[in-house]
């Protein structure tokens, strides 16, 4: 497994993804759906995500994984970051303003 962010397996951090996408610290489906108008979910799904921080974080992680798949995250830059990432691993954080372009 490539730990440096170049492989098929990616590490993401939901809180960092929310911040980068300009979402507030509260886990809110209303805010997420406003920022990603293409995201559709019914009342039951919305209630499940709003009612569980774990479910909401899993949704954000899935969206961040989509950003990785689409090449919309930052990879290590320069030899120092590349060396550190090879040992410590790399957390993919989406580029700003990419949430609307994920579908």
PDB file of N, CA and C in Angstrom:
ATOM      1  N   UNK A   1       0.841  -1.178   0.000  1.00  0.00           N
ATOM      2  CA  UNK A   1       0.000   0.000   0.000  1.00  0.00           C
ATOM      3  C   UNK A   1       0.887   1.242   0.000  1.00  0.00           C
ATOM      4  N   UNK A   2       0.603   2.145  -0.894  1.00  0.00           N
ATOM      5  CA  UNK A   2       1.355   3.401  -0.966  1.00  0.00           C
ATOM      6  C   UNK A   2       0.839   4.349   0.111  1.00  0.00           C
ATOM      7  N   UNK A   3       1.697   4.719   1.029  1.00  0.00           N
ATOM      8  CA  UNK A   3       1.295   5.607   2.125  1.00  0.00           C
ATOM      9  C   UNK A   3       1.371   7.079   1.732  1.00  0.00           C
ATOM     10  N   UNK A   4       1.991   7.361   0.600  1.00  0.00           N
ATOM     11  CA  UNK A   4       2.268   8.753   0.223  1.00  0.00           C
ATOM     12  C   UNK A   4       1.121   9.438  -0.512  1.00  0.00           C
ATOM     13  N   UNK A   5      -0.038   8.813  -0.561  1.00  0.00           N
ATOM     14  CA  UNK A   5      -1.194   9.419  -1.204  1.00  0.00           C
ATOM     15  C   UNK A   5      -1.341   9.089  -2.670  1.00  0.00           C
ATOM     16  N   UNK A   6      -0.432   8.294  -3.215  1.00  0.00           N
ATOM     17  CA  UNK A   6      -0.462   8.018  -4.651  1.00  0.00           C
ATOM     18  C   UNK A   6      -1.216   6.739  -5.018  1.00  0.00           C
ATOM     19  N   UNK A   7      -1.611   5.959  -4.033  1.00  0.00           N
ATOM     20  CA  UNK A   7      -2.238   4.670  -4.327  1.00  0.00           C
ATOM     21  C   UNK A   7      -3.751   4.735  -4.418  1.00  0.00           C
ATOM     22  N   UNK A   8      -4.341   3.551  -4.514  1.00  0.00           N
ATOM     23  CA  UNK A   8      -5.801   3.443  -4.644  1.00  0.00           C
ATOM     24  C   UNK A   8      -6.511   3.566  -3.299  1.00  0.00           C
ATOM     25  N   UNK A   9      -5.788   3.424  -2.213  1.00  0.00           N
ATOM     26  CA  UNK A   9      -6.356   3.572  -0.878  1.00  0.00           C
ATOM     27  C   UNK A   9      -5.980   4.958  -0.375  1.00  0.00           C
ATOM     28  N   UNK A  10      -6.963   5.694   0.129  1.00  0.00           N
ATOM     29  CA  UNK A  10      -6.722   7.072   0.550  1.00  0.00           C
ATOM     30  C   UNK A  10      -7.221   7.284   1.972  1.00  0.00           C
ATOM     31  N   UNK A  11      -6.472   8.069   2.718  1.00  0.00           N
ATOM     32  CA  UNK A  11      -6.907   8.479   4.045  1.00  0.00           C
ATOM     33  C   UNK A  11      -7.516   9.872   3.939  1.00  0.00           C
ATOM     34  N   UNK A  12      -8.683  10.045   4.529  1.00  0.00           N
ATOM     35  CA  UNK A  12      -9.352  11.351   4.532  1.00  0.00           C
ATOM     36  C   UNK A  12      -9.738  11.690   5.970  1.00  0.00           C
ATOM     37  N   UNK A  13      -9.974  12.946   6.215  1.00  0.00           N
ATOM     38  CA  UNK A  13     -10.347  13.436   7.536  1.00  0.00           C
ATOM     39  C   UNK A  13     -11.575  14.322   7.369  1.00  0.00           C
ATOM     40  N   UNK A  14     -12.750  13.854   7.808  1.00  0.00           N
ATOM     41  CA  UNK A  14     -13.982  14.594   7.540  1.00  0.00           C
ATOM     42  C   UNK A  14     -13.969  16.048   8.018  1.00  0.00           C
ATOM     43  N   UNK A  15     -13.426  16.318   9.193  1.00  0.00           N
ATOM     44  CA  UNK A  15     -13.427  17.698   9.697  1.00  0.00           C
ATOM     45  C   UNK A  15     -12.615  18.615   8.788  1.00  0.00           C
ATOM     46  N   UNK A  16     -11.472  18.141   8.316  1.00  0.00           N
ATOM     47  CA  UNK A  16     -10.650  18.952   7.407  1.00  0.00           C
ATOM     48  C   UNK A  16     -11.362  19.155   6.076  1.00  0.00           C
ATOM     49  N   UNK A  17     -12.043  18.132   5.603  1.00  0.00           N
ATOM     50  CA  UNK A  17     -12.796  18.257   4.350  1.00  0.00           C
ATOM     51  C   UNK A  17     -13.914  19.281   4.499  1.00  0.00           C
ATOM     52  N   UNK A  18     -14.638  19.223   5.610  1.00  0.00           N
ATOM     53  CA  UNK A  18     -15.714  20.203   5.843  1.00  0.00           C
ATOM     54  C   UNK A  18     -15.161  21.623   5.850  1.00  0.00           C
ATOM     55  N   UNK A  19     -14.061  21.823   6.556  1.00  0.00           N
ATOM     56  CA  UNK A  19     -13.463  23.171   6.613  1.00  0.00           C
ATOM     57  C   UNK A  19     -13.036  23.639   5.238  1.00  0.00           C
ATOM     58  N   UNK A  20     -12.346  22.772   4.491  1.00  0.00           N
ATOM     59  CA  UNK A  20     -11.851  23.161   3.174  1.00  0.00           C
ATOM     60  C   UNK A  20     -12.992  23.511   2.230  1.00  0.00           C
ATOM     61  N   UNK A  21     -14.116  22.820   2.373  1.00  0.00           N
ATOM     62  CA  UNK A  21     -15.275  23.090   1.524  1.00  0.00           C
ATOM     63  C   UNK A  21     -16.101  24.271   2.024  1.00  0.00           C
ATOM     64  N   UNK A  22     -15.671  24.893   3.118  1.00  0.00           N
ATOM     65  CA  UNK A  22     -16.363  26.068   3.627  1.00  0.00           C
ATOM     66  C   UNK A  22     -17.602  25.756   4.441  1.00  0.00           C
ATOM     67  N   UNK A  23     -17.728  24.515   4.893  1.00  0.00           N
ATOM     68  CA  UNK A  23     -18.863  24.138   5.733  1.00  0.00           C
ATOM     69  C   UNK A  23     -18.529  24.468   7.183  1.00  0.00           C
ATOM     70  N   UNK A  24     -19.525  24.815   7.951  1.00  0.00           N
ATOM     71  CA  UNK A  24     -19.310  25.171   9.346  1.00  0.00           C
ATOM     72  C   UNK A  24     -18.956  23.975  10.213  1.00  0.00           C
ATOM     73  N   UNK A  25     -18.642  24.237  11.478  1.00  0.00           N
ATOM     74  CA  UNK A  25     -18.241  23.154  12.380  1.00  0.00           C
ATOM     75  C   UNK A  25     -19.393  22.226  12.764  1.00  0.00           C
ATOM     76  N   UNK A  26     -20.623  22.723  12.661  1.00  0.00           N
ATOM     77  CA  UNK A  26     -21.780  21.876  12.959  1.00  0.00           C
ATOM     78  C   UNK A  26     -22.050  20.943  11.783  1.00  0.00           C
ATOM     79  N   UNK A  27     -22.431  19.738  12.087  1.00  0.00           N
ATOM     80  CA  UNK A  27     -22.777  18.772  11.040  1.00  0.00           C
ATOM     81  C   UNK A  27     -24.225  19.027  10.631  1.00  0.00           C
ATOM     82  N   UNK A  28     -24.422  19.583   9.459  1.00  0.00           N
ATOM     83  CA  UNK A  28     -25.754  20.006   9.034  1.00  0.00           C
ATOM     84  C   UNK A  28     -26.031  19.572   7.606  1.00  0.00           C
ATOM     85  N   UNK A  29     -27.057  18.751   7.435  1.00  0.00           N
ATOM     86  CA  UNK A  29     -27.449  18.344   6.087  1.00  0.00           C
ATOM     87  C   UNK A  29     -27.987  19.519   5.287  1.00  0.00           C
ATOM     88  N   UNK A  30     -28.660  20.456   5.937  1.00  0.00           N
ATOM     89  CA  UNK A  30     -29.167  21.633   5.221  1.00  0.00           C
ATOM     90  C   UNK A  30     -28.004  22.407   4.612  1.00  0.00           C
ATOM     91  N   UNK A  31     -26.948  22.601   5.382  1.00  0.00           N
ATOM     92  CA  UNK A  31     -25.781  23.323   4.879  1.00  0.00           C
ATOM     93  C   UNK A  31     -25.076  22.533   3.776  1.00  0.00           C
ATOM     94  N   UNK A  32     -24.924  21.229   3.973  1.00  0.00           N
ATOM     95  CA  UNK A  32     -24.267  20.399   2.966  1.00  0.00           C
ATOM     96  C   UNK A  32     -25.051  20.402   1.658  1.00  0.00           C
ATOM     97  N   UNK A  33     -26.358  20.234   1.736  1.00  0.00           N
ATOM     98  CA  UNK A  33     -27.180  20.210   0.517  1.00  0.00           C
ATOM     99  C   UNK A  33     -27.198  21.568  -0.177  1.00  0.00           C
ATOM    100  N   UNK A  34     -27.092  22.658   0.578  1.00  0.00           N
ATOM    101  CA  UNK A  34     -27.011  23.987  -0.036  1.00  0.00           C
ATOM    102  C   UNK A  34     -25.686  24.153  -0.775  1.00  0.00           C
ATOM    103  N   UNK A  35     -24.612  23.584  -0.223  1.00  0.00           N
ATOM    104  CA  UNK A  35     -23.288  23.689  -0.853  1.00  0.00           C
ATOM    105  C   UNK A  35     -23.127  22.714  -2.014  1.00  0.00           C
ATOM    106  N   UNK A  36     -23.874  21.627  -1.983  1.00  0.00           N
ATOM    107  CA  UNK A  36     -23.814  20.605  -3.040  1.00  0.00           C
ATOM    108  C   UNK A  36     -25.232  20.343  -3.530  1.00  0.00           C
ATOM    109  N   UNK A  37     -25.787  21.242  -4.349  1.00  0.00           N
ATOM    110  CA  UNK A  37     -27.188  21.118  -4.751  1.00  0.00           C
ATOM    111  C   UNK A  37     -27.513  19.842  -5.520  1.00  0.00           C
ATOM    112  N   UNK A  38     -26.523  19.175  -6.041  1.00  0.00           N
ATOM    113  CA  UNK A  38     -26.726  17.915  -6.754  1.00  0.00           C
ATOM    114  C   UNK A  38     -27.001  16.764  -5.791  1.00  0.00           C
ATOM    115  N   UNK A  39     -26.661  16.932  -4.507  1.00  0.00           N
ATOM    116  CA  UNK A  39     -26.826  15.870  -3.516  1.00  0.00           C
ATOM    117  C   UNK A  39     -28.301  15.756  -3.145  1.00  0.00           C
ATOM    118  N   UNK A  40     -28.855  14.603  -3.368  1.00  0.00           N
ATOM    119  CA  UNK A  40     -30.274  14.380  -3.097  1.00  0.00           C
ATOM    120  C   UNK A  40     -30.432  13.298  -2.026  1.00  0.00           C
ATOM    121  N   UNK A  41     -31.254  13.583  -1.051  1.00  0.00           N
ATOM    122  CA  UNK A  41     -31.613  12.550  -0.084  1.00  0.00           C
ATOM    123  C   UNK A  41     -32.996  12.873   0.464  1.00  0.00           C
ATOM    124  N   UNK A  42     -33.716  11.832   0.754  1.00  0.00           N
ATOM    125  CA  UNK A  42     -35.067  11.980   1.258  1.00  0.00           C
ATOM    126  C   UNK A  42     -35.082  12.347   2.732  1.00  0.00           C
ATOM    127  N   UNK A  43     -36.262  12.593   3.263  1.00  0.00           N
ATOM    128  CA  UNK A  43     -36.385  12.990   4.662  1.00  0.00           C
ATOM    129  C   UNK A  43     -35.797  11.969   5.643  1.00  0.00           C
ATOM    130  N   UNK A  44     -35.977  10.689   5.371  1.00  0.00           N
ATOM    131  CA  UNK A  44     -35.443   9.665   6.277  1.00  0.00           C
ATOM    132  C   UNK A  44     -33.919   9.678   6.282  1.00  0.00           C
ATOM    133  N   UNK A  45     -33.311   9.802   5.102  1.00  0.00           N
ATOM    134  CA  UNK A  45     -31.851   9.842   5.023  1.00  0.00           C
ATOM    135  C   UNK A  45     -31.315  11.114   5.680  1.00  0.00           C
ATOM    136  N   UNK A  46     -31.967  12.234   5.392  1.00  0.00           N
ATOM    137  CA  UNK A  46     -31.540  13.507   5.981  1.00  0.00           C
ATOM    138  C   UNK A  46     -31.594  13.428   7.511  1.00  0.00           C
ATOM    139  N   UNK A  47     -32.666  12.847   8.040  1.00  0.00           N
ATOM    140  CA  UNK A  47     -32.797  12.701   9.492  1.00  0.00           C
ATOM    141  C   UNK A  47     -31.713  11.786  10.053  1.00  0.00           C
ATOM    142  N   UNK A  48     -31.386  10.723   9.326  1.00  0.00           N
ATOM    143  CA  UNK A  48     -30.338   9.806   9.787  1.00  0.00           C
ATOM    144  C   UNK A  48     -28.985  10.501   9.837  1.00  0.00           C
ATOM    145  N   UNK A  49     -28.652  11.272   8.803  1.00  0.00           N
ATOM    146  CA  UNK A  49     -27.373  11.987   8.786  1.00  0.00           C
ATOM    147  C   UNK A  49     -27.343  13.092   9.832  1.00  0.00           C
ATOM    148  N   UNK A  50     -28.443  13.829   9.985  1.00  0.00           N
ATOM    149  CA  UNK A  50     -28.493  14.883  10.998  1.00  0.00           C
ATOM    150  C   UNK A  50     -28.485  14.308  12.412  1.00  0.00           C
ATOM    151  N   UNK A  51     -28.987  13.086  12.570  1.00  0.00           N
ATOM    152  CA  UNK A  51     -29.097  12.487  13.891  1.00  0.00           C
ATOM    153  C   UNK A  51     -27.874  11.735  14.367  1.00  0.00           C
ATOM    154  N   UNK A  52     -26.897  11.556  13.504  1.00  0.00           N
ATOM    155  CA  UNK A  52     -25.706  10.780  13.878  1.00  0.00           C
ATOM    156  C   UNK A  52     -24.452  11.433  13.313  1.00  0.00           C
ATOM    157  N   UNK A  53     -23.588  11.893  14.211  1.00  0.00           N
ATOM    158  CA  UNK A  53     -22.336  12.488  13.729  1.00  0.00           C
ATOM    159  C   UNK A  53     -21.493  11.465  12.980  1.00  0.00           C
ATOM    160  N   UNK A  54     -21.613  10.196  13.352  1.00  0.00           N
ATOM    161  CA  UNK A  54     -20.846   9.155  12.667  1.00  0.00           C
ATOM    162  C   UNK A  54     -21.347   8.961  11.236  1.00  0.00           C
ATOM    163  N   UNK A  55     -22.661   8.936  11.067  1.00  0.00           N
ATOM    164  CA  UNK A  55     -23.220   8.801   9.717  1.00  0.00           C
ATOM    165  C   UNK A  55     -22.865  10.016   8.865  1.00  0.00           C
ATOM    166  N   UNK A  56     -22.964  11.211   9.444  1.00  0.00           N
ATOM    167  CA  UNK A  56     -22.640  12.425   8.691  1.00  0.00           C
ATOM    168  C   UNK A  56     -21.162  12.421   8.295  1.00  0.00           C
ATOM    169  N   UNK A  57     -20.277  12.071   9.235  1.00  0.00           N
ATOM    170  CA  UNK A  57     -18.846  12.009   8.916  1.00  0.00           C
ATOM    171  C   UNK A  57     -18.562  10.962   7.845  1.00  0.00           C
ATOM    172  N   UNK A  58     -19.289   9.846   7.871  1.00  0.00           N
ATOM    173  CA  UNK A  58     -19.108   8.823   6.830  1.00  0.00           C
ATOM    174  C   UNK A  58     -19.504   9.374   5.464  1.00  0.00           C
ATOM    175  N   UNK A  59     -20.570  10.159   5.413  1.00  0.00           N
ATOM    176  CA  UNK A  59     -20.977  10.781   4.152  1.00  0.00           C
ATOM    177  C   UNK A  59     -19.912  11.759   3.661  1.00  0.00           C
ATOM    178  N   UNK A  60     -19.393  12.595   4.553  1.00  0.00           N
ATOM    179  CA  UNK A  60     -18.337  13.540   4.176  1.00  0.00           C
ATOM    180  C   UNK A  60     -17.101  12.775   3.708  1.00  0.00           C
ATOM    181  N   UNK A  61     -16.753  11.684   4.393  1.00  0.00           N
ATOM    182  CA  UNK A  61     -15.597  10.876   3.987  1.00  0.00           C
ATOM    183  C   UNK A  61     -15.810  10.285   2.598  1.00  0.00           C
ATOM    184  N   UNK A  62     -17.029   9.841   2.305  1.00  0.00           N
ATOM    185  CA  UNK A  62     -17.319   9.310   0.967  1.00  0.00           C
ATOM    186  C   UNK A  62     -17.184  10.401  -0.090  1.00  0.00           C
ATOM    187  N   UNK A  63     -17.638  11.606   0.218  1.00  0.00           N
ATOM    188  CA  UNK A  63     -17.489  12.719  -0.727  1.00  0.00           C
ATOM    189  C   UNK A  63     -16.015  13.083  -0.905  1.00  0.00           C
ATOM    190  N   UNK A  64     -15.246  13.033   0.178  1.00  0.00           N
ATOM    191  CA  UNK A  64     -13.808  13.300   0.077  1.00  0.00           C
ATOM    192  C   UNK A  64     -13.121  12.219  -0.755  1.00  0.00           C
ATOM    193  N   UNK A  65     -13.553  10.966  -0.599  1.00  0.00           N
ATOM    194  CA  UNK A  65     -12.994   9.887  -1.424  1.00  0.00           C
ATOM    195  C   UNK A  65     -13.300  10.121  -2.899  1.00  0.00           C
ATOM    196  N   UNK A  66     -14.474  10.643  -3.180  1.00  0.00           N
ATOM    197  CA  UNK A  66     -14.814  11.000  -4.569  1.00  0.00           C
ATOM    198  C   UNK A  66     -13.873  12.093  -5.075  1.00  0.00           C
ATOM    199  N   UNK A  67     -13.549  13.046  -4.220  1.00  0.00           N
ATOM    200  CA  UNK A  67     -12.602  14.096  -4.609  1.00  0.00           C
ATOM    201  C   UNK A  67     -11.229  13.496  -4.916  1.00  0.00           C
ATOM    202  N   UNK A  68     -10.812  12.509  -4.129  1.00  0.00           N
ATOM    203  CA  UNK A  68      -9.542  11.824  -4.399  1.00  0.00           C
ATOM    204  C   UNK A  68      -9.605  11.161  -5.771  1.00  0.00           C
ATOM    205  N   UNK A  69     -10.681  10.430  -6.019  1.00  0.00           N
ATOM    206  CA  UNK A  69     -10.843   9.710  -7.292  1.00  0.00           C
ATOM    207  C   UNK A  69     -10.830  10.666  -8.481  1.00  0.00           C
ATOM    208  N   UNK A  70     -11.355  11.858  -8.304  1.00  0.00           N
ATOM    209  CA  UNK A  70     -11.423  12.846  -9.386  1.00  0.00           C
ATOM    210  C   UNK A  70     -10.169  13.711  -9.469  1.00  0.00           C
ATOM    211  N   UNK A  71      -9.173  13.462  -8.609  1.00  0.00           N
ATOM    212  CA  UNK A  71      -7.941  14.249  -8.633  1.00  0.00           C
ATOM    213  C   UNK A  71      -8.112  15.654  -8.084  1.00  0.00           C
ATOM    214  N   UNK A  72      -9.037  15.829  -7.141  1.00  0.00           N
ATOM    215  CA  UNK A  72      -9.350  17.155  -6.609  1.00  0.00           C
ATOM    216  C   UNK A  72      -8.814  17.373  -5.199  1.00  0.00           C
ATOM    217  N   UNK A  73      -7.736  16.666  -4.858  1.00  0.00           N
ATOM    218  CA  UNK A  73      -7.071  16.870  -3.573  1.00  0.00           C
ATOM    219  C   UNK A  73      -5.616  17.234  -3.837  1.00  0.00           C
ATOM    220  N   UNK A  74      -4.975  17.733  -2.798  1.00  0.00           N
ATOM    221  CA  UNK A  74      -3.573  18.121  -2.929  1.00  0.00           C
ATOM    222  C   UNK A  74      -2.687  16.939  -2.532  1.00  0.00           C
ATOM    223  N   UNK A  75      -1.685  16.673  -3.355  1.00  0.00           N
ATOM    224  CA  UNK A  75      -0.699  15.632  -3.053  1.00  0.00           C
ATOM    225  C   UNK A  75       0.534  16.280  -2.428  1.00  0.00           C
ATOM    226  N   UNK A  76       1.423  15.474  -1.822  1.00  0.00           N
ATOM    227  CA  UNK A  76       2.639  16.047  -1.253  1.00  0.00           C
ATOM    228  C   UNK A  76       3.404  16.850  -2.306  1.00  0.00           C
ATOM    229  N   UNK A  77       3.952  17.970  -1.871  1.00  0.00           N
ATOM    230  CA  UNK A  77       4.752  18.782  -2.793  1.00  0.00           C
ATOM    231  C   UNK A  77       6.150  18.956  -2.207  1.00  0.00           C
ATOM    232  N   UNK A  78       7.115  18.751  -3.037  1.00  0.00           N
ATOM    233  CA  UNK A  78       8.501  18.898  -2.616  1.00  0.00           C
ATOM    234  C   UNK A  78       9.033  17.649  -1.950  1.00  0.00           C
ATOM    235  N   UNK A  79      10.350  17.536  -1.912  1.00  0.00           N
ATOM    236  CA  UNK A  79      10.978  16.322  -1.382  1.00  0.00           C
ATOM    237  C   UNK A  79      10.715  16.091   0.107  1.00  0.00           C
ATOM    238  N   UNK A  80      10.634  17.155   0.891  1.00  0.00           N
ATOM    239  CA  UNK A  80      10.423  16.978   2.329  1.00  0.00           C
ATOM    240  C   UNK A  80       9.045  16.384   2.617  1.00  0.00           C
ATOM    241  N   UNK A  81       8.009  16.926   2.005  1.00  0.00           N
ATOM    242  CA  UNK A  81       6.660  16.379   2.198  1.00  0.00           C
ATOM    243  C   UNK A  81       6.556  14.965   1.641  1.00  0.00           C
ATOM    244  N   UNK A  82       7.181  14.727   0.510  1.00  0.00           N
ATOM    245  CA  UNK A  82       7.130  13.398  -0.103  1.00  0.00           C
ATOM    246  C   UNK A  82       7.780  12.362   0.804  1.00  0.00           C
ATOM    247  N   UNK A  83       8.941  12.691   1.377  1.00  0.00           N
ATOM    248  CA  UNK A  83       9.620  11.763   2.300  1.00  0.00           C
ATOM    249  C   UNK A  83       8.770  11.521   3.544  1.00  0.00           C
ATOM    250  N   UNK A  84       8.231  12.595   4.115  1.00  0.00           N
ATOM    251  CA  UNK A  84       7.420  12.456   5.328  1.00  0.00           C
ATOM    252  C   UNK A  84       6.164  11.631   5.043  1.00  0.00           C
ATOM    253  N   UNK A  85       5.518  11.875   3.919  1.00  0.00           N
ATOM    254  CA  UNK A  85       4.297  11.143   3.575  1.00  0.00           C
ATOM    255  C   UNK A  85       4.576   9.661   3.371  1.00  0.00           C
ATOM    256  N   UNK A  86       5.733   9.324   2.832  1.00  0.00           N
ATOM    257  CA  UNK A  86       6.077   7.920   2.610  1.00  0.00           C
ATOM    258  C   UNK A  86       6.181   7.167   3.934  1.00  0.00           C
ATOM    259  N   UNK A  87       6.526   7.875   5.009  1.00  0.00           N
ATOM    260  CA  UNK A  87       6.671   7.247   6.322  1.00  0.00           C
ATOM    261  C   UNK A  87       5.390   7.394   7.146  1.00  0.00           C
ATOM    262  N   UNK A  88       4.884   8.614   7.227  1.00  0.00           N
ATOM    263  CA  UNK A  88       3.753   8.927   8.095  1.00  0.00           C
ATOM    264  C   UNK A  88       2.394   8.692   7.443  1.00  0.00           C
ATOM    265  N   UNK A  89       2.351   8.705   6.125  1.00  0.00           N
ATOM    266  CA  UNK A  89       1.088   8.628   5.402  1.00  0.00           C
ATOM    267  C   UNK A  89       0.642  10.014   4.985  1.00  0.00           C
ATOM    268  N   UNK A  90      -0.328  10.077   4.092  1.00  0.00           N
ATOM    269  CA  UNK A  90      -0.822  11.343   3.559  1.00  0.00           C
ATOM    270  C   UNK A  90      -2.330  11.398   3.718  1.00  0.00           C
ATOM    271  N   UNK A  91      -2.814  12.471   4.317  1.00  0.00           N
ATOM    272  CA  UNK A  91      -4.256  12.680   4.440  1.00  0.00           C
ATOM    273  C   UNK A  91      -4.693  13.568   3.288  1.00  0.00           C
ATOM    274  N   UNK A  92      -5.572  13.045   2.461  1.00  0.00           N
ATOM    275  CA  UNK A  92      -6.096  13.819   1.333  1.00  0.00           C
ATOM    276  C   UNK A  92      -7.112  14.833   1.845  1.00  0.00           C
ATOM    277  N   UNK A  93      -6.898  16.087   1.500  1.00  0.00           N
ATOM    278  CA  UNK A  93      -7.842  17.157   1.819  1.00  0.00           C
ATOM    279  C   UNK A  93      -8.289  17.746   0.486  1.00  0.00           C
ATOM    280  N   UNK A  94      -9.591  17.834   0.260  1.00  0.00           N
ATOM    281  CA  UNK A  94     -10.072  18.361  -1.020  1.00  0.00           C
ATOM    282  C   UNK A  94      -9.622  19.803  -1.246  1.00  0.00           C
ATOM    283  N   UNK A  95      -9.475  20.155  -2.497  1.00  0.00           N
ATOM    284  CA  UNK A  95      -9.233  21.559  -2.827  1.00  0.00           C
ATOM    285  C   UNK A  95     -10.494  22.357  -2.530  1.00  0.00           C
ATOM    286  N   UNK A  96     -10.306  23.620  -2.205  1.00  0.00           N
ATOM    287  CA  UNK A  96     -11.444  24.496  -1.906  1.00  0.00           C
ATOM    288  C   UNK A  96     -12.366  24.573  -3.118  1.00  0.00           C
ATOM    289  N   UNK A  97     -13.623  24.764  -2.858  1.00  0.00           N
ATOM    290  CA  UNK A  97     -14.645  24.994  -3.894  1.00  0.00           C
ATOM    291  C   UNK A  97     -14.833  23.817  -4.852  1.00  0.00           C
ATOM    292  N   UNK A  98     -14.444  22.613  -4.451  1.00  0.00           N
ATOM    293  CA  UNK A  98     -14.621  21.454  -5.331  1.00  0.00           C
ATOM    294  C   UNK A  98     -15.895  20.671  -5.034  1.00  0.00           C
ATOM    295  N   UNK A  99     -16.531  20.920  -3.909  1.00  0.00           N
ATOM    296  CA  UNK A  99     -17.728  20.156  -3.542  1.00  0.00           C
ATOM    297  C   UNK A  99     -18.816  20.202  -4.615  1.00  0.00           C
ATOM    298  N   UNK A 100     -19.117  21.351  -5.209  1.00  0.00           N
ATOM    299  CA  UNK A 100     -20.170  21.368  -6.236  1.00  0.00           C
ATOM    300  C   UNK A 100     -19.847  20.539  -7.482  1.00  0.00           C
ATOM    301  N   UNK A 101     -18.576  20.223  -7.705  1.00  0.00           N
ATOM    302  CA  UNK A 101     -18.190  19.523  -8.938  1.00  0.00           C
ATOM    303  C   UNK A 101     -18.001  18.023  -8.753  1.00  0.00           C
ATOM    304  N   UNK A 102     -18.453  17.465  -7.649  1.00  0.00           N
ATOM    305  CA  UNK A 102     -18.210  16.041  -7.378  1.00  0.00           C
ATOM    306  C   UNK A 102     -19.158  15.043  -8.027  1.00  0.00           C
ATOM    307  N   UNK A 103     -20.366  15.411  -8.468  1.00  0.00           N
ATOM    308  CA  UNK A 103     -21.251  14.348  -8.971  1.00  0.00           C
ATOM    309  C   UNK A 103     -20.705  13.648 -10.198  1.00  0.00           C
TER     310      UNK A 103
END
